[in-house]
C-alpha cells in the first residue's frame, strides 16, 4: 500500500449462516369489507337480528338475547360462530382482532404499511426500517453479497454487509421463496468488523427472483423481510426490509485482496459506502483473500494492528498488498527523547544568534538505526558538534495551523546529517501522546532525516512509533521553558508493518538502506 491514510475497517469473517427455523409471522388482515349482515326482515335462527328482541334463538329461554350461537344462549352476537365470546371484528379469520378497517392503525403488523415497524409477536420491540443498495455481487452459485444503505443501522462510519444464501438442495429459479423456511438465509451484519457489530437473521418475509441466469447465477430480486438478532439478548432489536429491489451481477472488477485494499485507501476518510463498495466489488478470489486476513486477525486478536499482522498473519498480509520492502530491517532502530529547551523561537526570528542562552548545547534525541544489528548507525554524529532548539513553524505535511518543531542538528558546516525533527501541534502538558503517523490532534511525529548542504531534506532514514510527554510549556516568546521526554521504535517508510508495509512516496521519501 502506498498511502498511510488508509484506515482499515476490520471485518468479521464472511460466513453464510444456516436458515432460521422460525415461521412467517401471522399477519392481521386489514379491512376486508366483510361485516355481520343480520337479517332484519326475516327472524330466522341462522341469522338473527340483533335488534329484534322478539325473536330469540333459544326457544327454551325466552329472555335470551339474540345470538349467533344456538348452543350458547348467553352469547353476544359476534362474527365468529366458533368463538362465541369473541368481540365483533373486521377480520373473520382472526376473531381476537380489534376492529380497525384501516391498515395504518397503530399498532399494526401490516406489512403493506412500512411506516409502522411494530413487531406483532413482541409489541415492545420496534424494528428499524432499512433499505438496501441495489447493486449486489454473485459470491458463488446461490450466494450473493451487498450492503445496507448508509445511515440506517449503527455507526455511519462503518458499513453493513447483506448476504443471501440459497441452500445446496434448493432449485433456484424465477419464483418466490418463503424466508421462514430453510430454503434461503438472509443475513445483515451491522457495523461489519467493528466492536459494535451485530448480526441479524431473517424471521419472516419473502424473496422473489426474476431474470435468473443459471450459468452466471446473476438475478434480480425483490426482498421484504423482518430480521432479528442472531444471538438474542435483553433489549434485542430487529430490522425490517420493505420491498428492496436488488440486481446481482457475476463478479467484481477487483481480482485480489490488494486491489480491494487499494480501493479502500482511496476512499475519503472512512466513508462507509465507498468502503463497502470496495469489498462487494471484489470478485470471489479477492473477497476470500480478504476474509482470510480477517480470520487471522480475529484468531490473533490483532484488531487491525498491522504489526500484529506482521507477526502472525504475514502471508495474508502480503497477499493483501501490505508488503514490507525486504531490504529494510523491521524494526529499523530505537530513539530516546529527553530535553529541556530554554527558548521558543518565533518563525520570524531568522537572524538571532544561536547562543547557549537560547539552545540546548547538545542533543535531545539519542539512539541507533540501520540494517546491520552489529554495526548500527548513530542518530547523533558527534563530529558535527550537535545542538538542539525549539521553534514555531509550519512543518511541510502538518496542518495550516502552526506547530512546535524540535530540531537536532550540527554547528559544524561540514556535517549535515542525520538531523532529527520532532513535530507536534499538541501543547497540553502532563499527558502521554502517541508518536506515529496518525492524526495531528492526537499524535506527534519524529523523523531521522538526511539533509543536503543547504539544509534541505533529501530523504528520511526512519520515523518513530512510540510515546511522548510535554512536561512543561509556556507561550511567552523569549522566556519559554519546554521540557519533553519519551521513546519510540524506528521504522523505514519502506517497511512499516504498523501502517501497511511500504508507505513511501512523494510525501515520504525513504533513504536507501543503511
Protein backbone atom coordinates (compact mmCIF):
# COMPACT_ATOMS: atom_id res chain seq x y z
CA UNK A 1 0.00 0.00 0.00
CA UNK A 2 1.34 3.37 -0.99
CA UNK A 3 -0.64 5.66 1.28
CA UNK A 4 -0.75 5.61 5.04
CA UNK A 5 -4.07 7.48 5.17
CA UNK A 6 -5.91 4.21 4.71
CA UNK A 7 -7.90 3.37 7.83
CA UNK A 8 -8.60 -0.35 7.78
CA UNK A 9 -12.13 -1.37 8.61
CA UNK A 10 -11.88 -4.73 10.27
CA UNK A 11 -14.39 -7.22 9.01
CA UNK A 12 -15.70 -10.31 10.66
CA UNK A 13 -15.08 -13.47 8.67
CA UNK A 14 -17.61 -13.64 5.89
CA UNK A 15 -19.62 -16.74 6.74
CA UNK A 16 -23.02 -17.68 5.45
CA UNK A 17 -25.16 -18.96 8.30
CA UNK A 18 -27.94 -21.51 8.35
CA UNK A 19 -31.57 -20.58 7.85
CA UNK A 20 -33.81 -19.66 10.74
CA UNK A 21 -36.48 -22.20 11.61
CA UNK A 22 -38.93 -19.52 12.71
CA UNK A 23 -42.26 -19.39 10.86
CA UNK A 24 -43.74 -16.49 8.95
CA UNK A 25 -45.49 -14.04 11.24
CA UNK A 26 -49.24 -14.29 11.26
CA UNK A 27 -50.38 -11.13 9.52
CA UNK A 28 -53.54 -9.25 10.53
CA UNK A 29 -55.83 -8.84 7.55
CA UNK A 30 -56.91 -5.26 7.36
CA UNK A 31 -60.41 -4.04 6.47
CA UNK A 32 -61.80 -6.69 4.13
CA UNK A 33 -65.24 -5.21 3.81
CA UNK A 34 -66.72 -8.33 5.47
CA UNK A 35 -69.25 -7.40 8.17
CA UNK A 36 -72.07 -9.04 10.02
CA UNK A 37 -75.22 -8.70 7.97
CA UNK A 38 -78.12 -9.63 10.24
CA UNK A 39 -81.42 -10.19 8.53
CA UNK A 40 -83.76 -7.58 9.99
CA UNK A 41 -86.74 -8.77 7.92
CA UNK A 42 -86.72 -12.50 8.46
CA UNK A 43 -86.46 -13.67 12.07
CA UNK A 44 -84.73 -16.96 11.37
CA UNK A 45 -82.34 -18.56 13.80
CA UNK A 46 -79.48 -18.90 11.31
CA UNK A 47 -79.02 -15.14 11.01
CA UNK A 48 -80.83 -13.42 13.89
CA UNK A 49 -81.47 -9.74 14.00
CA UNK A 50 -79.59 -8.41 16.98
CA UNK A 51 -82.09 -5.60 17.31
CA UNK A 52 -85.13 -7.88 17.23
CA UNK A 53 -85.65 -9.00 20.83
CA UNK A 54 -88.91 -10.67 19.94
CA UNK A 55 -87.07 -13.41 18.10
CA UNK A 56 -84.74 -15.28 20.43
CA UNK A 57 -82.67 -18.11 19.06
CA UNK A 58 -83.28 -20.25 22.12
CA UNK A 59 -86.93 -21.41 22.31
CA UNK A 60 -86.29 -22.76 25.81
CA UNK A 61 -85.02 -19.40 27.08
CA UNK A 62 -87.45 -16.71 26.02
CA UNK A 63 -85.43 -13.96 27.78
CA UNK A 64 -82.28 -14.75 25.84
CA UNK A 65 -80.78 -12.01 23.72
CA UNK A 66 -80.39 -12.92 20.08
CA UNK A 67 -77.06 -14.61 19.32
CA UNK A 68 -75.35 -16.37 16.51
CA UNK A 69 -74.73 -19.47 18.61
CA UNK A 70 -77.87 -21.51 19.33
CA UNK A 71 -75.89 -23.73 21.69
CA UNK A 72 -74.81 -20.79 23.85
CA UNK A 73 -77.90 -18.78 24.64
CA UNK A 74 -75.95 -16.20 26.67
CA UNK A 75 -73.64 -15.37 23.82
CA UNK A 76 -73.47 -11.87 22.44
CA UNK A 77 -73.66 -11.57 18.68
CA UNK A 78 -70.27 -11.97 17.04
CA UNK A 79 -68.75 -12.52 13.63
CA UNK A 80 -67.22 -15.84 14.64
CA UNK A 81 -69.70 -18.68 15.32
CA UNK A 82 -66.79 -20.89 16.51
CA UNK A 83 -65.78 -18.39 19.19
CA UNK A 84 -68.98 -17.23 20.83
CA UNK A 85 -67.19 -14.97 23.30
CA UNK A 86 -65.43 -13.01 20.61
CA UNK A 87 -65.94 -9.29 20.24
CA UNK A 88 -67.02 -8.13 16.78
CA UNK A 89 -64.07 -7.55 14.46
CA UNK A 90 -63.30 -6.75 10.86
CA UNK A 91 -61.38 -9.99 10.38
CA UNK A 92 -63.47 -13.20 10.50
CA UNK A 93 -60.27 -15.30 10.34
CA UNK A 94 -58.81 -13.65 13.42
CA UNK A 95 -61.58 -13.48 16.00
CA UNK A 96 -59.42 -11.80 18.65
CA UNK A 97 -58.50 -8.92 16.38
CA UNK A 98 -59.54 -5.42 17.33
CA UNK A 99 -61.77 -3.82 14.68
CA UNK A 100 -59.72 -1.45 12.57
CA UNK A 101 -60.64 -1.34 8.90
CA UNK A 102 -57.51 0.80 8.46
CA UNK A 103 -54.09 -0.63 7.62
CA UNK A 104 -52.40 2.43 9.07
CA UNK A 105 -53.82 1.89 12.56
CA UNK A 106 -51.29 1.95 15.39
CA UNK A 107 -50.06 -0.54 16.45
CA UNK A 108 -50.30 -2.90 13.47
CA UNK A 109 -48.44 -5.81 11.94
CA UNK A 110 -49.45 -4.83 8.45
CA UNK A 111 -46.54 -5.30 6.00
CA UNK A 112 -48.23 -3.00 3.49
CA UNK A 113 -47.66 -0.14 5.89
CA UNK A 114 -43.86 0.25 6.01
CA UNK A 115 -44.02 3.26 8.29
CA UNK A 116 -45.24 1.06 11.14
CA UNK A 117 -42.47 -1.40 12.09
CA UNK A 118 -44.12 -2.81 15.22
CA UNK A 119 -43.47 -6.50 15.75
CA UNK A 120 -46.79 -8.29 16.47
CA UNK A 121 -45.05 -11.10 18.37
CA UNK A 122 -43.36 -8.61 20.67
CA UNK A 123 -45.25 -5.31 20.85
CA UNK A 124 -42.41 -3.67 22.80
CA UNK A 125 -39.84 -4.34 20.03
CA UNK A 126 -39.76 -1.69 17.32
CA UNK A 127 -37.90 -2.75 14.19
CA UNK A 128 -35.54 -0.39 12.39
CA UNK A 129 -36.72 0.05 8.84
CA UNK A 130 -33.78 -0.09 6.47
CA UNK A 131 -33.02 -0.02 2.76
CA UNK A 132 -30.53 -1.92 0.62
CA UNK A 133 -28.26 -0.68 -2.14
CA UNK A 134 -29.43 -2.13 -5.43
CA UNK A 135 -26.07 -3.48 -6.59
CA UNK A 136 -25.20 -6.96 -5.30
CA UNK A 137 -22.46 -9.35 -6.39
CA UNK A 138 -22.53 -13.05 -7.07
CA UNK A 139 -20.31 -14.70 -4.47
CA UNK A 140 -20.82 -18.31 -5.51
CA UNK A 141 -23.73 -20.22 -7.01
CA UNK A 142 -26.69 -19.32 -4.86
CA UNK A 143 -24.70 -16.88 -2.71
CA UNK A 144 -24.85 -13.09 -3.01
CA UNK A 145 -23.38 -10.12 -1.14
CA UNK A 146 -24.42 -6.47 -0.91
CA UNK A 147 -24.76 -3.72 1.66
CA UNK A 148 -27.32 -1.66 3.59
CA UNK A 149 -27.66 1.96 2.60
CA UNK A 150 -25.51 4.19 4.79
CA UNK A 151 -27.08 5.77 7.84
CA UNK A 152 -29.88 3.33 8.62
CA UNK A 153 -28.06 0.99 11.01
CA UNK A 154 -25.42 1.51 13.68
CA UNK A 155 -22.29 3.57 13.12
CA UNK A 156 -22.45 5.57 9.89
CA UNK A 157 -18.65 5.33 9.55
CA UNK A 158 -18.90 1.53 9.25
CA UNK A 159 -20.76 -0.42 6.60
CA UNK A 160 -23.33 -3.18 6.90
CA UNK A 161 -22.96 -6.40 4.88
CA UNK A 162 -26.00 -8.19 3.47
CA UNK A 163 -25.74 -11.84 2.40
CA UNK A 164 -28.23 -14.10 0.64
CA UNK A 165 -27.54 -17.82 0.59
CA UNK A 166 -29.70 -20.46 -1.06
CA UNK A 167 -29.40 -23.94 0.40
CA UNK A 168 -27.42 -26.52 -1.58
CA UNK A 169 -30.56 -28.59 -2.27
CA UNK A 170 -32.66 -25.62 -3.38
CA UNK A 171 -33.59 -25.39 -7.04
CA UNK A 172 -33.02 -21.74 -7.89
CA UNK A 173 -35.39 -20.15 -10.37
CA UNK A 174 -37.77 -17.30 -11.04
CA UNK A 175 -40.13 -17.82 -8.15
CA UNK A 176 -40.94 -16.61 -4.64
CA UNK A 177 -39.21 -18.15 -1.61
CA UNK A 178 -40.57 -18.09 1.91
CA UNK A 179 -37.92 -16.72 4.25
CA UNK A 180 -39.45 -18.56 7.20
CA UNK A 181 -38.40 -21.84 5.57
CA UNK A 182 -34.97 -23.45 5.39
CA UNK A 183 -34.52 -22.68 1.69
CA UNK A 184 -32.82 -19.28 1.94
CA UNK A 185 -30.72 -17.49 4.57
CA UNK A 186 -30.81 -13.69 4.63
CA UNK A 187 -28.23 -12.07 6.94
CA UNK A 188 -27.31 -8.48 7.82
CA UNK A 189 -24.07 -7.80 9.71
CA UNK A 190 -24.32 -4.32 11.17
CA UNK A 191 -21.06 -2.34 11.64
CA UNK A 192 -19.08 -5.06 9.89
CA UNK A 193 -15.92 -5.82 11.89
CA UNK A 194 -16.40 -3.10 14.50
CA UNK A 195 -16.83 -3.50 18.25
CA UNK A 196 -20.50 -2.55 17.79
CA UNK A 197 -21.11 -5.37 15.31
CA UNK A 198 -24.49 -7.13 15.37
CA UNK A 199 -25.74 -9.98 13.22
CA UNK A 200 -29.37 -10.28 12.15
CA UNK A 201 -31.04 -13.29 10.51
CA UNK A 202 -34.43 -13.44 8.89
CA UNK A 203 -37.51 -14.43 10.85
CA UNK A 204 -40.09 -13.96 8.12
CA UNK A 205 -40.69 -12.48 4.70
CA UNK A 206 -40.21 -13.35 1.04
CA UNK A 207 -37.65 -13.06 -1.74
CA UNK A 208 -38.87 -13.14 -5.33
CA UNK A 209 -36.36 -13.85 -8.11
CA UNK A 210 -36.57 -12.81 -11.75
CA UNK A 211 -34.19 -12.92 -14.74
CA UNK A 212 -32.17 -15.66 -13.05
CA UNK A 213 -29.22 -16.84 -15.19
CA UNK A 214 -28.26 -20.47 -14.38
CA UNK A 215 -24.82 -20.02 -15.99
CA UNK A 216 -23.62 -16.80 -14.35
CA UNK A 217 -26.04 -17.00 -11.37
CA UNK A 218 -26.99 -13.37 -11.94
CA UNK A 219 -30.52 -12.37 -10.97
CA UNK A 220 -32.92 -9.64 -9.97
CA UNK A 221 -34.88 -9.92 -6.73
CA UNK A 222 -37.42 -8.17 -4.55
CA UNK A 223 -36.97 -8.67 -0.80
CA UNK A 224 -39.45 -7.99 2.00
CA UNK A 225 -38.32 -9.32 5.35
CA UNK A 226 -38.08 -8.99 9.08
CA UNK A 227 -34.74 -9.90 10.69
CA UNK A 228 -33.92 -10.40 14.37
CA UNK A 229 -30.64 -10.55 16.26
CA UNK A 230 -28.98 -13.91 15.79
CA UNK A 231 -27.99 -14.09 19.45
CA UNK A 232 -30.97 -12.79 21.43
CA UNK A 233 -30.05 -10.54 24.34
CA UNK A 234 -32.00 -8.31 26.66
CA UNK A 235 -33.15 -5.30 24.66
CA UNK A 236 -32.55 -7.10 21.35
CA UNK A 237 -33.61 -5.26 18.22
CA UNK A 238 -34.96 -6.18 14.82
CA UNK A 239 -34.64 -4.89 11.26
CA UNK A 240 -37.33 -4.57 8.61
CA UNK A 241 -36.69 -4.52 4.85
CA UNK A 242 -39.65 -3.36 2.77
CA UNK A 243 -39.74 -4.21 -0.95
CA UNK A 244 -36.00 -3.84 -1.69
CA UNK A 245 -35.15 -4.25 -5.38
CA UNK A 246 -31.67 -5.67 -5.99
CA UNK A 247 -29.63 -6.67 -9.02
CA UNK A 248 -26.81 -9.21 -8.62
CA UNK A 249 -24.10 -9.46 -11.28
CA UNK A 250 -21.41 -12.05 -11.85
CA UNK A 251 -18.11 -10.73 -10.42
CA UNK A 252 -16.41 -7.54 -9.41
CA UNK A 253 -13.60 -5.67 -11.11
CA UNK A 254 -11.10 -6.34 -8.30
CA UNK A 255 -9.33 -9.66 -8.61
CA UNK A 256 -7.15 -9.57 -5.50
CA UNK A 257 -7.32 -8.53 -1.88
CA UNK A 258 -4.59 -5.96 -2.62
CA UNK A 259 -6.94 -4.28 -5.12
CA UNK A 260 -9.70 -4.16 -2.51
CA UNK A 261 -7.22 -2.56 -0.09
CA UNK A 262 -6.04 -0.05 -2.69
CA UNK A 263 -9.66 0.85 -3.38
CA UNK A 264 -10.32 1.38 0.33
CA UNK A 265 -7.20 3.51 0.54
CA UNK A 266 -8.72 5.88 -2.00
CA UNK A 267 -11.98 6.27 -0.07
CA UNK A 268 -12.47 9.68 1.50
CA UNK A 269 -11.73 9.24 5.20
CA UNK A 270 -13.88 6.28 6.30
CA UNK A 271 -16.86 6.73 4.00
CA UNK A 272 -18.78 3.53 4.68
CA UNK A 273 -20.48 3.40 1.28
CA UNK A 274 -17.15 3.67 -0.51
CA UNK A 275 -15.51 1.06 1.73
CA UNK A 276 -18.43 -1.30 1.33
CA UNK A 277 -18.38 -0.95 -2.46
CA UNK A 278 -14.67 -1.78 -2.49
CA UNK A 279 -15.45 -5.03 -0.72
CA UNK A 280 -18.52 -6.17 -2.67
CA UNK A 281 -16.88 -5.18 -5.98
CA UNK A 282 -14.11 -7.67 -5.34
CA UNK A 283 -14.60 -10.97 -7.10
CA UNK A 284 -14.76 -14.33 -5.33
CA UNK A 285 -10.97 -14.70 -5.11
CA UNK A 286 -10.44 -11.18 -3.80
CA UNK A 287 -13.09 -11.46 -1.11
CA UNK A 288 -11.85 -14.88 0.01
CA UNK A 289 -8.32 -13.49 0.35
CA UNK A 290 -9.65 -10.54 2.31
CA UNK A 291 -11.66 -12.85 4.56
CA UNK A 292 -8.55 -14.99 5.20
CA UNK A 293 -6.81 -11.89 6.53
CA UNK A 294 -9.77 -11.05 8.74
CA UNK A 295 -9.98 -14.61 10.04
CA UNK A 296 -6.30 -14.43 11.01
CA UNK A 297 -6.92 -11.03 12.59
CA UNK A 298 -9.67 -12.45 14.78
CA UNK A 299 -7.73 -15.59 15.71
CA UNK A 300 -4.79 -13.47 16.96
CA UNK A 301 -6.82 -10.54 18.34
CA UNK A 302 -4.95 -8.10 16.11
CA UNK A 303 -7.88 -5.65 15.94
CA UNK A 304 -6.42 -4.01 12.85
CA UNK A 305 -2.88 -3.62 14.14
CA UNK A 306 -0.55 -4.01 11.16
CA UNK A 307 2.37 -5.06 13.31
CA UNK A 308 0.24 -7.88 14.72
CA UNK A 309 -0.42 -8.91 11.12
CA UNK A 310 3.31 -8.83 10.50
CA UNK A 311 3.93 -11.16 13.44
CA UNK A 312 1.03 -13.59 12.96
CA UNK A 313 -0.51 -13.14 9.51
CA UNK A 314 2.45 -12.34 7.27
CA UNK A 315 1.29 -14.48 4.31
CA UNK A 316 -2.21 -12.98 4.41
CA UNK A 317 -0.74 -9.50 4.87
CA UNK A 318 1.45 -9.87 1.79
CA UNK A 319 -1.46 -11.23 -0.27
CA UNK A 320 -3.47 -8.14 0.63
CA UNK A 321 -0.70 -5.80 -0.50
CA UNK A 322 0.66 -4.82 2.90
CA UNK A 323 4.21 -5.67 1.90
CA UNK A 324 7.41 -4.54 3.58
CA UNK A 325 10.49 -3.97 1.45
CA UNK A 326 12.78 -6.89 2.44
CA UNK A 327 15.87 -4.64 2.15
CA UNK A 328 14.92 -2.86 5.38
CA UNK A 329 15.08 -4.42 8.82
CA UNK A 330 11.91 -4.43 10.93
CA UNK A 331 12.20 -2.56 13.21
CA UNK A 332 14.85 -0.19 11.90
CA UNK A 333 16.10 1.25 15.21
CA UNK A 334 15.28 2.90 18.54
CA UNK A 335 15.24 6.51 19.83
CA UNK A 336 15.09 8.05 23.31
CA UNK A 337 13.81 11.63 23.78
CA UNK A 338 14.74 13.86 26.71
CA UNK A 339 15.36 17.60 26.67
CA UNK A 340 14.56 20.97 28.22
CA UNK A 341 14.52 23.92 25.85
CA UNK A 342 15.16 27.41 27.28
CA UNK A 343 13.77 29.38 24.37
CA UNK A 344 10.95 29.11 21.81
CA UNK A 345 11.98 30.73 18.56
CA UNK A 346 9.40 32.68 16.61
CA UNK A 347 9.21 31.77 12.93
CA UNK A 348 10.18 35.39 12.17
CA UNK A 349 13.38 35.22 14.20
CA UNK A 350 15.75 34.30 11.38
CA UNK A 351 18.78 36.41 12.35
CA UNK A 352 19.03 35.66 16.05
CA UNK A 353 22.37 34.43 17.26
CA UNK A 354 22.18 30.78 18.37
CA UNK A 355 23.96 31.28 21.67
CA UNK A 356 23.90 28.89 24.59
CA UNK A 357 21.22 31.11 26.17
CA UNK A 358 18.70 30.03 23.54
CA UNK A 359 19.61 26.45 22.66
CA UNK A 360 20.47 23.07 24.09
CA UNK A 361 24.20 22.71 23.61
CA UNK A 362 23.84 19.01 22.86
CA UNK A 363 21.08 16.56 21.98
CA UNK A 364 17.50 15.74 22.93
CA UNK A 365 17.31 12.53 20.85
CA UNK A 366 19.70 9.59 21.03
CA UNK A 367 19.64 6.11 19.54
CA UNK A 368 20.62 3.96 16.56
CA UNK A 369 19.18 2.80 13.22
CA UNK A 370 20.09 0.61 10.24
CA UNK A 371 20.05 -2.94 8.86
CA UNK A 372 23.19 -4.42 10.44
CA UNK A 373 22.32 -5.11 14.07
CA UNK A 374 26.04 -5.49 14.84
CA UNK A 375 27.04 -2.21 13.21
CA UNK A 376 24.17 0.28 13.53
CA UNK A 377 24.31 3.96 12.62
CA UNK A 378 24.19 6.50 15.42
CA UNK A 379 21.39 9.10 15.34
CA UNK A 380 23.96 11.62 16.53
CA UNK A 381 27.11 12.39 14.54
CA UNK A 382 29.49 13.51 17.32
CA UNK A 383 31.87 15.05 14.79
CA UNK A 384 29.27 17.67 13.92
CA UNK A 385 29.14 19.27 17.39
CA UNK A 386 25.37 18.78 17.85
CA UNK A 387 22.91 21.31 19.27
CA UNK A 388 19.10 21.50 19.57
CA UNK A 389 16.39 24.15 19.64
CA UNK A 390 12.60 24.59 19.53
CA UNK A 391 10.72 26.86 17.13
CA UNK A 392 7.22 27.77 15.99
CA UNK A 393 6.86 26.69 12.39
CA UNK A 394 4.67 25.20 9.67
CA UNK A 395 6.02 21.73 9.03
CA UNK A 396 5.57 20.71 5.40
CA UNK A 397 2.99 17.96 5.97
CA UNK A 398 1.34 19.36 9.09
CA UNK A 399 -1.93 21.33 9.10
CA UNK A 400 -2.08 25.03 8.27
CA UNK A 401 -2.06 25.81 11.96
CA UNK A 402 1.35 26.50 13.47
CA UNK A 403 3.15 23.77 15.37
CA UNK A 404 6.21 23.39 17.55
CA UNK A 405 9.17 21.75 15.87
CA UNK A 406 12.12 20.49 17.89
CA UNK A 407 15.30 20.33 15.79
CA UNK A 408 18.55 18.49 16.45
CA UNK A 409 21.34 19.49 14.05
CA UNK A 410 25.06 20.46 13.97
CA UNK A 411 27.25 23.51 14.37
CA UNK A 412 29.98 22.27 12.02
CA UNK A 413 29.18 23.19 8.42
CA UNK A 414 30.76 20.01 7.12
CA UNK A 415 28.24 17.78 8.94
CA UNK A 416 24.57 17.94 7.94
CA UNK A 417 23.16 14.53 8.84
CA UNK A 418 21.43 12.80 10.39
CA UNK A 419 19.06 15.53 11.60
CA UNK A 420 16.14 14.93 13.97
CA UNK A 421 12.78 16.73 13.66
CA UNK A 422 10.08 16.22 16.29
CA UNK A 423 6.84 17.97 15.27
CA UNK A 424 3.70 18.47 17.35
CA UNK A 425 0.53 20.54 17.41
CA UNK A 426 -0.13 19.18 20.91
CA UNK A 427 0.76 21.66 23.63
CA UNK A 428 -1.08 20.40 26.73
CA UNK A 429 1.48 19.37 29.35
CA UNK A 430 1.40 16.34 31.60
CA UNK A 431 -0.27 13.88 29.24
CA UNK A 432 1.19 10.99 27.24
CA UNK A 433 0.73 11.28 23.47
CA UNK A 434 1.43 8.90 20.65
CA UNK A 435 4.32 9.23 18.24
CA UNK A 436 3.38 7.89 14.82
CA UNK A 437 1.80 8.94 11.54
CA UNK A 438 -1.79 9.38 12.70
CA UNK A 439 -3.99 12.41 13.25
CA UNK A 440 -2.24 15.60 14.26
CA UNK A 441 -4.63 16.34 17.13
CA UNK A 442 -3.71 13.07 18.86
CA UNK A 443 -0.20 12.26 17.63
CA UNK A 444 3.21 13.87 17.26
CA UNK A 445 5.86 12.78 14.74
CA UNK A 446 9.61 12.25 14.85
CA UNK A 447 11.86 11.82 11.80
CA UNK A 448 15.52 10.93 11.36
CA UNK A 449 16.46 12.68 8.11
CA UNK A 450 19.27 13.17 5.59
CA UNK A 451 19.95 16.82 4.65
CA UNK A 452 21.80 18.45 1.76
CA UNK A 453 24.48 21.18 2.05
CA UNK A 454 21.79 23.90 2.01
CA UNK A 455 19.88 22.34 4.87
CA UNK A 456 17.05 20.88 2.74
CA UNK A 457 15.72 17.42 3.46
CA UNK A 458 16.74 14.77 0.94
CA UNK A 459 15.03 11.73 2.49
CA UNK A 460 14.05 10.11 5.78
CA UNK A 461 16.03 7.27 7.27
CA UNK A 462 13.26 6.48 9.72
CA UNK A 463 10.26 7.69 11.69
CA UNK A 464 9.23 6.73 15.22
CA UNK A 465 6.28 4.89 16.74
CA UNK A 466 6.04 5.37 20.49
CA UNK A 467 5.08 7.93 23.14
CA UNK A 468 5.96 11.47 24.16
CA UNK A 469 5.07 13.75 27.05
CA UNK A 470 5.41 17.52 27.24
CA UNK A 471 6.19 18.08 30.90
CA UNK A 472 6.20 21.88 30.86
CA UNK A 473 5.46 24.64 28.36
CA UNK A 474 4.90 28.41 28.36
CA UNK A 475 3.92 30.56 25.39
CA UNK A 476 5.97 33.63 26.35
CA UNK A 477 8.41 34.03 23.50
CA UNK A 478 11.95 34.57 24.67
CA UNK A 479 11.17 33.29 28.16
CA UNK A 480 9.75 29.87 27.39
CA UNK A 481 10.80 26.63 29.00
CA UNK A 482 9.72 23.45 27.24
CA UNK A 483 10.52 20.07 28.72
CA UNK A 484 9.85 16.84 26.78
CA UNK A 485 10.54 13.14 27.23
CA UNK A 486 9.61 9.89 25.51
CA UNK A 487 10.82 6.98 23.40
CA UNK A 488 9.99 5.33 20.09
CA UNK A 489 10.80 2.38 17.86
CA UNK A 490 12.08 3.42 14.45
CA UNK A 491 10.86 2.14 11.06
CA UNK A 492 11.74 2.90 7.48
CA UNK A 493 8.89 4.17 5.32
CA UNK A 494 9.74 1.19 3.11
CA UNK A 495 9.00 -1.32 5.87
CA UNK A 496 6.41 -0.22 8.41
CA UNK A 497 4.04 -3.01 9.40
CA UNK A 498 2.13 -0.59 11.64
CA UNK A 499 0.84 1.22 8.56
CA UNK A 500 0.64 -1.49 5.93
CA UNK A 501 4.16 -2.14 4.66
CA UNK A 502 5.76 0.18 2.12
CA UNK A 503 4.18 3.63 2.53
CA UNK A 504 6.97 5.63 0.88
CA UNK A 505 6.18 8.02 -1.94
CA UNK A 506 6.18 11.71 -2.81
CA UNK A 507 5.12 12.67 0.70
CA UNK A 508 7.64 10.45 2.46
CA UNK A 509 10.83 9.62 0.56
CA UNK A 510 12.77 6.76 2.15
CA UNK A 511 16.57 6.92 2.21
CA UNK A 512 18.49 3.98 0.79
CA UNK A 513 19.02 1.18 3.31
CA UNK A 514 21.91 1.72 5.69
